[in-house]
Amino acid sequence: MRTSVLLLCVLICIVLAIPVPSKSAENSLADQIIALERGALNRWINADPQGYLDLYAPEVTYFDPFREKRVDGLEAMKAMVEPLKTMKNPISNPRFEMIDPRIQQHGDIALLTFNLVNYGKLPNRETESVITRWNSTEVYSRVSGRWKIIHSHWSFVKPEVKQAAP
């Protein structure tokens, strides 16, 4: 009996010694990842893709509704966004709203999902309007101690589906 009580006490001490992620650690990770994403979005909305290019891992994969197939790798992403670097943004006073960001962490992988609404003034318009509404999924991985995007997927919120002609 005494041995089983001693064994139970040792077992309880072992269990209590195992670190449990605290809510503040989870919040800290969420704050960190969301801050990285907001930083890239702040640059992107002003036609500066470098914020995202700095976050992409070399093996990044990417989908969006303007592409017929997946984009593979950082070099392909750089080529895809190169025209943005010289393009004048036709939207004045651009801004965005990140809605309901959520982080799910699994080891060195963090999944960020959120909705994004882009606003701005279109040419020859006096009032701000909604430009686009997005669903976003960003898969971050800890690479050499830094969070990098290894996969990015963008889709329109409730896209208009066109019926095929009979």
N, C-alpha and C. Protein backbone atom coordinates (compact mmCIF):
# COMPACT_ATOMS: atom_id res chain seq x y z
N MET A 1 0.83 -1.19 0.00
CA MET A 1 0.00 0.00 0.00
C MET A 1 0.87 1.25 0.00
N ARG A 2 1.90 1.23 0.85
CA ARG A 2 2.78 2.39 0.95
C ARG A 2 3.51 2.63 -0.38
N THR A 3 3.87 1.55 -1.06
CA THR A 3 4.55 1.67 -2.34
C THR A 3 3.63 2.30 -3.39
N SER A 4 2.37 1.90 -3.39
CA SER A 4 1.45 2.47 -4.38
C SER A 4 1.17 3.94 -4.11
N VAL A 5 1.12 4.36 -2.82
CA VAL A 5 0.94 5.77 -2.48
C VAL A 5 2.15 6.56 -2.94
N LEU A 6 3.34 6.02 -2.69
CA LEU A 6 4.57 6.68 -3.11
C LEU A 6 4.62 6.78 -4.64
N LEU A 7 4.25 5.71 -5.33
CA LEU A 7 4.22 5.71 -6.78
C LEU A 7 3.21 6.73 -7.31
N LEU A 8 2.06 6.82 -6.67
CA LEU A 8 1.05 7.80 -7.06
C LEU A 8 1.58 9.23 -6.88
N CYS A 9 2.27 9.48 -5.77
CA CYS A 9 2.85 10.82 -5.52
C CYS A 9 3.89 11.17 -6.57
N VAL A 10 4.73 10.21 -6.94
CA VAL A 10 5.75 10.44 -7.96
C VAL A 10 5.08 10.72 -9.31
N LEU A 11 4.04 9.96 -9.63
CA LEU A 11 3.32 10.15 -10.87
C LEU A 11 2.68 11.54 -10.93
N ILE A 12 2.07 11.97 -9.84
CA ILE A 12 1.46 13.30 -9.78
C ILE A 12 2.53 14.38 -9.97
N CYS A 13 3.69 14.22 -9.34
CA CYS A 13 4.77 15.20 -9.50
C CYS A 13 5.25 15.27 -10.94
N ILE A 14 5.32 14.13 -11.61
CA ILE A 14 5.76 14.11 -13.01
C ILE A 14 4.75 14.84 -13.88
N VAL A 15 3.46 14.54 -13.67
CA VAL A 15 2.42 15.18 -14.46
C VAL A 15 2.43 16.69 -14.24
N LEU A 16 2.60 17.12 -12.99
CA LEU A 16 2.61 18.55 -12.70
C LEU A 16 3.85 19.25 -13.25
N ALA A 17 4.90 18.50 -13.50
CA ALA A 17 6.13 19.09 -14.01
C ALA A 17 6.10 19.28 -15.52
N ILE A 18 5.14 18.64 -16.21
CA ILE A 18 5.06 18.77 -17.67
C ILE A 18 4.53 20.16 -18.00
N PRO A 19 5.27 20.91 -18.82
CA PRO A 19 4.80 22.26 -19.14
C PRO A 19 3.51 22.21 -19.97
N VAL A 20 2.57 23.01 -19.59
CA VAL A 20 1.31 23.13 -20.31
C VAL A 20 1.28 24.53 -20.93
N PRO A 21 1.02 24.59 -22.24
CA PRO A 21 0.97 25.92 -22.85
C PRO A 21 -0.10 26.76 -22.18
N SER A 22 0.27 27.94 -21.81
CA SER A 22 -0.67 28.82 -21.15
C SER A 22 -1.45 29.61 -22.19
N LYS A 23 -2.57 30.17 -21.77
CA LYS A 23 -3.35 31.01 -22.68
C LYS A 23 -2.50 32.19 -23.14
N SER A 24 -1.64 32.70 -22.25
CA SER A 24 -0.82 33.85 -22.65
C SER A 24 0.19 33.44 -23.71
N ALA A 25 0.70 32.18 -23.65
CA ALA A 25 1.61 31.71 -24.69
C ALA A 25 0.87 31.58 -26.01
N GLU A 26 -0.37 31.06 -25.97
CA GLU A 26 -1.18 30.96 -27.18
C GLU A 26 -1.49 32.34 -27.73
N ASN A 27 -1.85 33.27 -26.85
CA ASN A 27 -2.13 34.64 -27.28
C ASN A 27 -0.89 35.29 -27.86
N SER A 28 0.25 35.02 -27.26
CA SER A 28 1.51 35.58 -27.74
C SER A 28 1.79 35.11 -29.17
N LEU A 29 1.59 33.82 -29.42
CA LEU A 29 1.80 33.29 -30.77
C LEU A 29 0.81 33.93 -31.73
N ALA A 30 -0.46 33.98 -31.34
CA ALA A 30 -1.48 34.58 -32.20
C ALA A 30 -1.13 36.03 -32.50
N ASP A 31 -0.76 36.77 -31.48
CA ASP A 31 -0.38 38.18 -31.67
C ASP A 31 0.79 38.30 -32.63
N GLN A 32 1.78 37.42 -32.48
CA GLN A 32 2.97 37.46 -33.32
C GLN A 32 2.64 37.17 -34.78
N ILE A 33 1.90 36.09 -35.03
CA ILE A 33 1.56 35.71 -36.41
C ILE A 33 0.66 36.77 -37.05
N ILE A 34 -0.34 37.21 -36.31
CA ILE A 34 -1.26 38.22 -36.85
C ILE A 34 -0.53 39.52 -37.15
N ALA A 35 0.43 39.89 -36.30
CA ALA A 35 1.22 41.10 -36.56
C ALA A 35 2.06 40.95 -37.84
N LEU A 36 2.62 39.76 -38.07
CA LEU A 36 3.37 39.53 -39.31
C LEU A 36 2.45 39.69 -40.52
N GLU A 37 1.27 39.10 -40.42
CA GLU A 37 0.32 39.16 -41.54
C GLU A 37 -0.16 40.60 -41.78
N ARG A 38 -0.48 41.31 -40.71
CA ARG A 38 -0.93 42.71 -40.86
C ARG A 38 0.18 43.57 -41.49
N GLY A 39 1.41 43.32 -41.09
CA GLY A 39 2.52 44.07 -41.67
C GLY A 39 2.62 43.85 -43.17
N ALA A 40 2.47 42.59 -43.60
CA ALA A 40 2.51 42.29 -45.04
C ALA A 40 1.30 42.89 -45.75
N LEU A 41 0.13 42.82 -45.12
CA LEU A 41 -1.08 43.39 -45.72
C LEU A 41 -0.98 44.91 -45.84
N ASN A 42 -0.40 45.57 -44.85
CA ASN A 42 -0.22 47.03 -44.91
C ASN A 42 0.61 47.43 -46.12
N ARG A 43 1.61 46.63 -46.44
CA ARG A 43 2.43 46.93 -47.61
C ARG A 43 1.70 46.54 -48.90
N TRP A 44 1.06 45.37 -48.88
CA TRP A 44 0.38 44.87 -50.08
C TRP A 44 -0.70 45.84 -50.56
N ILE A 45 -1.49 46.36 -49.63
CA ILE A 45 -2.60 47.24 -50.02
C ILE A 45 -2.10 48.54 -50.66
N ASN A 46 -0.83 48.84 -50.45
CA ASN A 46 -0.20 50.00 -51.09
C ASN A 46 0.68 49.57 -52.27
N ALA A 47 0.34 48.42 -52.85
CA ALA A 47 1.01 47.87 -54.04
C ALA A 47 2.49 47.58 -53.81
N ASP A 48 2.84 47.17 -52.59
CA ASP A 48 4.22 46.79 -52.26
C ASP A 48 4.20 45.32 -51.82
N PRO A 49 4.59 44.41 -52.70
CA PRO A 49 4.54 42.99 -52.37
C PRO A 49 5.69 42.50 -51.48
N GLN A 50 6.66 43.36 -51.19
CA GLN A 50 7.86 42.92 -50.48
C GLN A 50 7.55 42.37 -49.08
N GLY A 51 6.53 42.88 -48.43
CA GLY A 51 6.17 42.37 -47.11
C GLY A 51 5.87 40.88 -47.15
N TYR A 52 5.12 40.46 -48.15
CA TYR A 52 4.84 39.03 -48.30
C TYR A 52 6.07 38.28 -48.78
N LEU A 53 6.80 38.84 -49.72
CA LEU A 53 8.00 38.14 -50.21
C LEU A 53 8.97 37.86 -49.07
N ASP A 54 9.05 38.79 -48.10
CA ASP A 54 9.93 38.59 -46.95
C ASP A 54 9.42 37.47 -46.03
N LEU A 55 8.11 37.22 -46.06
CA LEU A 55 7.53 36.18 -45.20
C LEU A 55 7.52 34.79 -45.84
N TYR A 56 7.59 34.71 -47.17
CA TYR A 56 7.48 33.42 -47.83
C TYR A 56 8.74 32.59 -47.63
N ALA A 57 8.53 31.31 -47.33
CA ALA A 57 9.62 30.34 -47.27
C ALA A 57 10.02 30.01 -48.71
N PRO A 58 11.24 29.51 -48.92
CA PRO A 58 11.67 29.19 -50.29
C PRO A 58 10.72 28.22 -51.00
N GLU A 59 10.09 27.31 -50.26
CA GLU A 59 9.23 26.29 -50.87
C GLU A 59 7.75 26.67 -50.86
N VAL A 60 7.42 27.95 -50.67
CA VAL A 60 6.03 28.40 -50.58
C VAL A 60 5.20 27.89 -51.77
N THR A 61 3.94 27.58 -51.47
CA THR A 61 2.96 27.29 -52.52
C THR A 61 1.83 28.29 -52.36
N TYR A 62 1.15 28.59 -53.48
CA TYR A 62 0.19 29.70 -53.47
C TYR A 62 -0.96 29.43 -54.44
N PHE A 63 -2.18 29.72 -53.97
CA PHE A 63 -3.38 29.69 -54.82
C PHE A 63 -4.13 31.00 -54.68
N ASP A 64 -4.70 31.48 -55.77
CA ASP A 64 -5.68 32.57 -55.71
C ASP A 64 -6.61 32.42 -56.91
N PRO A 65 -7.75 33.12 -56.90
CA PRO A 65 -8.73 32.91 -57.96
C PRO A 65 -8.31 33.43 -59.33
N PHE A 66 -7.19 34.12 -59.42
CA PHE A 66 -6.72 34.63 -60.70
C PHE A 66 -5.73 33.67 -61.37
N ARG A 67 -5.38 32.59 -60.72
CA ARG A 67 -4.41 31.63 -61.23
C ARG A 67 -5.13 30.35 -61.62
N GLU A 68 -4.70 29.78 -62.72
CA GLU A 68 -5.29 28.51 -63.14
C GLU A 68 -4.69 27.33 -62.40
N LYS A 69 -3.49 27.52 -61.86
CA LYS A 69 -2.86 26.43 -61.12
C LYS A 69 -2.00 27.00 -59.99
N ARG A 70 -1.53 26.14 -59.16
CA ARG A 70 -0.72 26.51 -58.00
C ARG A 70 0.60 27.15 -58.45
N VAL A 71 1.05 28.15 -57.68
CA VAL A 71 2.36 28.76 -57.89
C VAL A 71 3.31 28.07 -56.91
N ASP A 72 4.44 27.59 -57.39
CA ASP A 72 5.38 26.84 -56.57
C ASP A 72 6.70 27.57 -56.41
N GLY A 73 7.04 27.91 -55.16
CA GLY A 73 8.35 28.42 -54.85
C GLY A 73 8.45 29.94 -54.82
N LEU A 74 9.41 30.40 -54.03
CA LEU A 74 9.63 31.84 -53.84
C LEU A 74 10.00 32.54 -55.15
N GLU A 75 10.82 31.91 -55.97
CA GLU A 75 11.23 32.56 -57.23
C GLU A 75 10.02 32.76 -58.14
N ALA A 76 9.12 31.80 -58.19
CA ALA A 76 7.91 31.94 -59.00
C ALA A 76 7.01 33.03 -58.43
N MET A 77 6.96 33.14 -57.11
CA MET A 77 6.16 34.20 -56.48
C MET A 77 6.74 35.58 -56.82
N LYS A 78 8.07 35.68 -56.76
CA LYS A 78 8.71 36.95 -57.11
C LYS A 78 8.37 37.34 -58.55
N ALA A 79 8.41 36.38 -59.46
CA ALA A 79 8.08 36.67 -60.86
C ALA A 79 6.61 37.07 -60.99
N MET A 80 5.74 36.43 -60.23
CA MET A 80 4.31 36.72 -60.31
C MET A 80 4.00 38.15 -59.87
N VAL A 81 4.66 38.63 -58.81
CA VAL A 81 4.35 39.95 -58.27
C VAL A 81 5.22 41.07 -58.84
N GLU A 82 6.18 40.74 -59.64
CA GLU A 82 7.10 41.75 -60.20
C GLU A 82 6.35 42.91 -60.86
N PRO A 83 5.29 42.67 -61.65
CA PRO A 83 4.58 43.81 -62.28
C PRO A 83 3.99 44.79 -61.25
N LEU A 84 3.68 44.33 -60.05
CA LEU A 84 3.13 45.22 -59.03
C LEU A 84 4.11 46.32 -58.62
N LYS A 85 5.39 46.01 -58.72
CA LYS A 85 6.41 46.95 -58.25
C LYS A 85 6.43 48.25 -59.06
N THR A 86 5.98 48.19 -60.30
CA THR A 86 6.00 49.38 -61.13
C THR A 86 4.59 49.90 -61.43
N MET A 87 3.59 49.20 -60.95
CA MET A 87 2.20 49.59 -61.20
C MET A 87 1.76 50.68 -60.24
N LYS A 88 1.07 51.68 -60.77
CA LYS A 88 0.51 52.72 -59.91
C LYS A 88 -0.82 52.20 -59.37
N ASN A 89 -1.00 52.29 -58.06
CA ASN A 89 -2.23 51.83 -57.44
C ASN A 89 -3.38 52.77 -57.83
N PRO A 90 -4.40 52.28 -58.56
CA PRO A 90 -5.50 53.15 -58.98
C PRO A 90 -6.46 53.49 -57.84
N ILE A 91 -6.32 52.82 -56.72
CA ILE A 91 -7.21 53.03 -55.58
C ILE A 91 -6.57 54.02 -54.62
N SER A 92 -7.30 55.09 -54.29
CA SER A 92 -6.76 56.04 -53.32
C SER A 92 -7.31 55.71 -51.92
N ASN A 93 -6.56 56.09 -50.92
CA ASN A 93 -6.91 55.84 -49.52
C ASN A 93 -7.23 54.37 -49.24
N PRO A 94 -6.37 53.45 -49.71
CA PRO A 94 -6.68 52.04 -49.47
C PRO A 94 -6.53 51.68 -47.99
N ARG A 95 -7.38 50.80 -47.55
CA ARG A 95 -7.29 50.27 -46.19
C ARG A 95 -7.93 48.89 -46.19
N PHE A 96 -7.70 48.16 -45.11
CA PHE A 96 -8.29 46.83 -45.02
C PHE A 96 -8.80 46.58 -43.61
N GLU A 97 -9.65 45.60 -43.52
CA GLU A 97 -10.14 45.13 -42.22
C GLU A 97 -9.93 43.62 -42.18
N MET A 98 -9.13 43.17 -41.20
CA MET A 98 -8.93 41.74 -40.99
C MET A 98 -10.00 41.29 -39.99
N ILE A 99 -10.83 40.35 -40.42
CA ILE A 99 -11.97 39.94 -39.61
C ILE A 99 -11.75 38.53 -39.04
N ASP A 100 -11.94 38.43 -37.74
CA ASP A 100 -11.95 37.15 -37.03
C ASP A 100 -10.72 36.28 -37.31
N PRO A 101 -9.50 36.83 -37.16
CA PRO A 101 -8.33 35.98 -37.37
C PRO A 101 -8.27 34.87 -36.33
N ARG A 102 -7.89 33.68 -36.77
CA ARG A 102 -7.79 32.54 -35.86
C ARG A 102 -6.50 31.80 -36.14
N ILE A 103 -5.79 31.47 -35.06
CA ILE A 103 -4.55 30.70 -35.15
C ILE A 103 -4.79 29.32 -34.57
N GLN A 104 -4.34 28.30 -35.30
CA GLN A 104 -4.33 26.94 -34.79
C GLN A 104 -2.88 26.46 -34.90
N GLN A 105 -2.29 26.13 -33.76
CA GLN A 105 -0.88 25.72 -33.76
C GLN A 105 -0.77 24.22 -33.57
N HIS A 106 0.11 23.63 -34.35
CA HIS A 106 0.44 22.21 -34.25
C HIS A 106 1.96 22.11 -34.36
N GLY A 107 2.62 22.12 -33.21
CA GLY A 107 4.09 22.09 -33.20
C GLY A 107 4.66 23.33 -33.84
N ASP A 108 5.49 23.13 -34.85
CA ASP A 108 6.13 24.25 -35.55
C ASP A 108 5.32 24.73 -36.75
N ILE A 109 4.04 24.37 -36.78
CA ILE A 109 3.13 24.83 -37.84
C ILE A 109 2.02 25.66 -37.19
N ALA A 110 1.71 26.80 -37.77
CA ALA A 110 0.60 27.64 -37.30
C ALA A 110 -0.28 27.96 -38.51
N LEU A 111 -1.56 27.66 -38.37
CA LEU A 111 -2.53 27.94 -39.42
C LEU A 111 -3.27 29.20 -39.05
N LEU A 112 -3.21 30.19 -39.94
CA LEU A 112 -3.94 31.45 -39.76
C LEU A 112 -5.06 31.49 -40.78
N THR A 113 -6.28 31.67 -40.30
CA THR A 113 -7.42 31.85 -41.19
C THR A 113 -8.11 33.15 -40.81
N PHE A 114 -8.60 33.86 -41.80
CA PHE A 114 -9.30 35.11 -41.54
C PHE A 114 -10.05 35.54 -42.79
N ASN A 115 -10.95 36.49 -42.61
CA ASN A 115 -11.60 37.17 -43.73
C ASN A 115 -10.97 38.54 -43.85
N LEU A 116 -10.92 39.04 -45.05
CA LEU A 116 -10.33 40.34 -45.31
C LEU A 116 -11.27 41.15 -46.19
N VAL A 117 -11.48 42.39 -45.82
CA VAL A 117 -12.26 43.31 -46.66
C VAL A 117 -11.34 44.47 -47.00
N ASN A 118 -11.19 44.73 -48.30
CA ASN A 118 -10.39 45.85 -48.79
C ASN A 118 -11.31 47.00 -49.16
N TYR A 119 -10.92 48.20 -48.73
CA TYR A 119 -11.69 49.41 -49.00
C TYR A 119 -10.80 50.42 -49.71
N GLY A 120 -11.42 51.37 -50.38
CA GLY A 120 -10.68 52.46 -50.98
C GLY A 120 -11.59 53.28 -51.87
N LYS A 121 -11.01 54.34 -52.43
CA LYS A 121 -11.75 55.19 -53.36
C LYS A 121 -11.30 54.84 -54.77
N LEU A 122 -12.25 54.46 -55.59
CA LEU A 122 -11.97 54.17 -56.98
C LEU A 122 -11.80 55.47 -57.75
N PRO A 123 -11.11 55.43 -58.88
CA PRO A 123 -10.94 56.66 -59.68
C PRO A 123 -12.30 57.29 -60.01
N ASN A 124 -12.35 58.59 -59.96
CA ASN A 124 -13.56 59.37 -60.27
C ASN A 124 -14.71 59.12 -59.30
N ARG A 125 -14.40 58.63 -58.11
CA ARG A 125 -15.42 58.44 -57.08
C ARG A 125 -15.02 59.26 -55.86
N GLU A 126 -15.99 59.81 -55.19
CA GLU A 126 -15.71 60.63 -54.01
C GLU A 126 -15.80 59.85 -52.72
N THR A 127 -16.53 58.75 -52.76
CA THR A 127 -16.74 58.01 -51.53
C THR A 127 -15.99 56.69 -51.55
N GLU A 128 -15.68 56.23 -50.37
CA GLU A 128 -15.01 54.94 -50.20
C GLU A 128 -15.99 53.81 -50.51
N SER A 129 -15.47 52.74 -51.06
CA SER A 129 -16.31 51.57 -51.30
C SER A 129 -15.52 50.31 -51.00
N VAL A 130 -16.25 49.21 -50.88
CA VAL A 130 -15.61 47.91 -50.71
C VAL A 130 -15.03 47.51 -52.06
N ILE A 131 -13.75 47.16 -52.07
CA ILE A 131 -13.09 46.77 -53.31
C ILE A 131 -13.18 45.26 -53.49
N THR A 132 -12.78 44.51 -52.47
CA THR A 132 -12.85 43.04 -52.52
C THR A 132 -13.08 42.48 -51.12
N ARG A 133 -13.63 41.28 -51.11
CA ARG A 133 -13.81 40.51 -49.86
C ARG A 133 -13.14 39.15 -50.08
N TRP A 134 -12.30 38.79 -49.12
CA TRP A 134 -11.50 37.57 -49.27
C TRP A 134 -11.68 36.60 -48.10
N ASN A 135 -11.49 35.33 -48.41
CA ASN A 135 -11.22 34.29 -47.42
C ASN A 135 -9.73 34.02 -47.55
N SER A 136 -9.04 33.91 -46.43
CA SER A 136 -7.59 33.67 -46.50
C SER A 136 -7.18 32.54 -45.57
N THR A 137 -6.27 31.74 -46.06
CA THR A 137 -5.62 30.70 -45.26
C THR A 137 -4.12 30.85 -45.47
N GLU A 138 -3.40 31.04 -44.38
CA GLU A 138 -1.94 31.14 -44.44
C GLU A 138 -1.37 30.05 -43.52
N VAL A 139 -0.50 29.24 -44.05
CA VAL A 139 0.15 28.21 -43.24
C VAL A 139 1.57 28.69 -42.96
N TYR A 140 1.84 28.93 -41.69
CA TYR A 140 3.16 29.37 -41.25
C TYR A 140 3.93 28.18 -40.67
N SER A 141 5.23 28.18 -40.88
CA SER A 141 6.10 27.18 -40.28
C SER A 141 7.29 27.90 -39.66
N ARG A 142 7.73 27.38 -38.53
CA ARG A 142 8.91 27.97 -37.89
C ARG A 142 10.14 27.45 -38.64
N VAL A 143 10.86 28.37 -39.29
CA VAL A 143 12.03 28.03 -40.09
C VAL A 143 13.21 28.79 -39.49
N SER A 144 14.18 28.08 -38.97
CA SER A 144 15.35 28.69 -38.34
C SER A 144 14.94 29.73 -37.29
N GLY A 145 13.90 29.39 -36.51
CA GLY A 145 13.46 30.25 -35.42
C GLY A 145 12.55 31.39 -35.83
N ARG A 146 12.23 31.51 -37.12
CA ARG A 146 11.35 32.59 -37.60
C ARG A 146 10.12 31.98 -38.27
N TRP A 147 8.98 32.64 -38.14
CA TRP A 147 7.75 32.18 -38.77
C TRP A 147 7.75 32.61 -40.23
N LYS A 148 7.57 31.63 -41.13
CA LYS A 148 7.54 31.86 -42.57
C LYS A 148 6.28 31.22 -43.15
N ILE A 149 5.74 31.81 -44.20
CA ILE A 149 4.57 31.25 -44.87
C ILE A 149 5.04 30.15 -45.82
N ILE A 150 4.48 28.95 -45.63
CA ILE A 150 4.81 27.84 -46.53
C ILE A 150 3.67 27.56 -47.51
N HIS A 151 2.47 28.05 -47.20
CA HIS A 151 1.35 27.93 -48.13
C HIS A 151 0.38 29.08 -47.92
N SER A 152 -0.12 29.61 -49.02
CA SER A 152 -1.06 30.73 -48.98
C SER A 152 -2.20 30.43 -49.94
N HIS A 153 -3.43 30.62 -49.46
CA HIS A 153 -4.60 30.36 -50.30
C HIS A 153 -5.61 31.48 -50.10
N TRP A 154 -5.99 32.12 -51.20
CA TRP A 154 -6.94 33.23 -51.20
C TRP A 154 -8.12 32.88 -52.09
N SER A 155 -9.32 33.15 -51.61
CA SER A 155 -10.52 32.96 -52.42
C SER A 155 -11.49 34.09 -52.13
N PHE A 156 -12.38 34.35 -53.08
CA PHE A 156 -13.38 35.39 -52.87
C PHE A 156 -14.46 34.90 -51.92
N VAL A 157 -14.98 35.81 -51.11
CA VAL A 157 -16.13 35.50 -50.27
C VAL A 157 -17.36 35.48 -51.17
N LYS A 158 -18.10 34.41 -51.12
CA LYS A 158 -19.33 34.25 -51.92
C LYS A 158 -19.14 34.75 -53.35
N PRO A 159 -18.26 34.07 -54.11
CA PRO A 159 -18.04 34.54 -55.48
C PRO A 159 -19.30 34.37 -56.32
N GLU A 160 -19.41 35.22 -57.32
CA GLU A 160 -20.54 35.11 -58.24
C GLU A 160 -20.29 33.91 -59.14
N VAL A 161 -21.17 32.93 -59.08
CA VAL A 161 -21.03 31.73 -59.90
C VAL A 161 -21.86 31.92 -61.15
N LYS A 162 -21.20 31.81 -62.28
CA LYS A 162 -21.90 31.97 -63.56
C LYS A 162 -22.40 30.62 -64.04
N GLN A 163 -23.63 30.59 -64.48
CA GLN A 163 -24.23 29.36 -64.99
C GLN A 163 -23.71 29.11 -66.40
N ALA A 164 -23.43 27.85 -66.69
CA ALA A 164 -23.00 27.49 -68.04
C ALA A 164 -24.18 27.63 -68.99
N ALA A 165 -23.88 28.07 -70.18
CA ALA A 165 -24.93 28.21 -71.20
C ALA A 165 -25.40 26.82 -71.62
N PRO A 166 -26.73 26.65 -71.80
CA PRO A 166 -27.24 25.30 -72.21
C PRO A 166 -26.84 24.94 -73.60
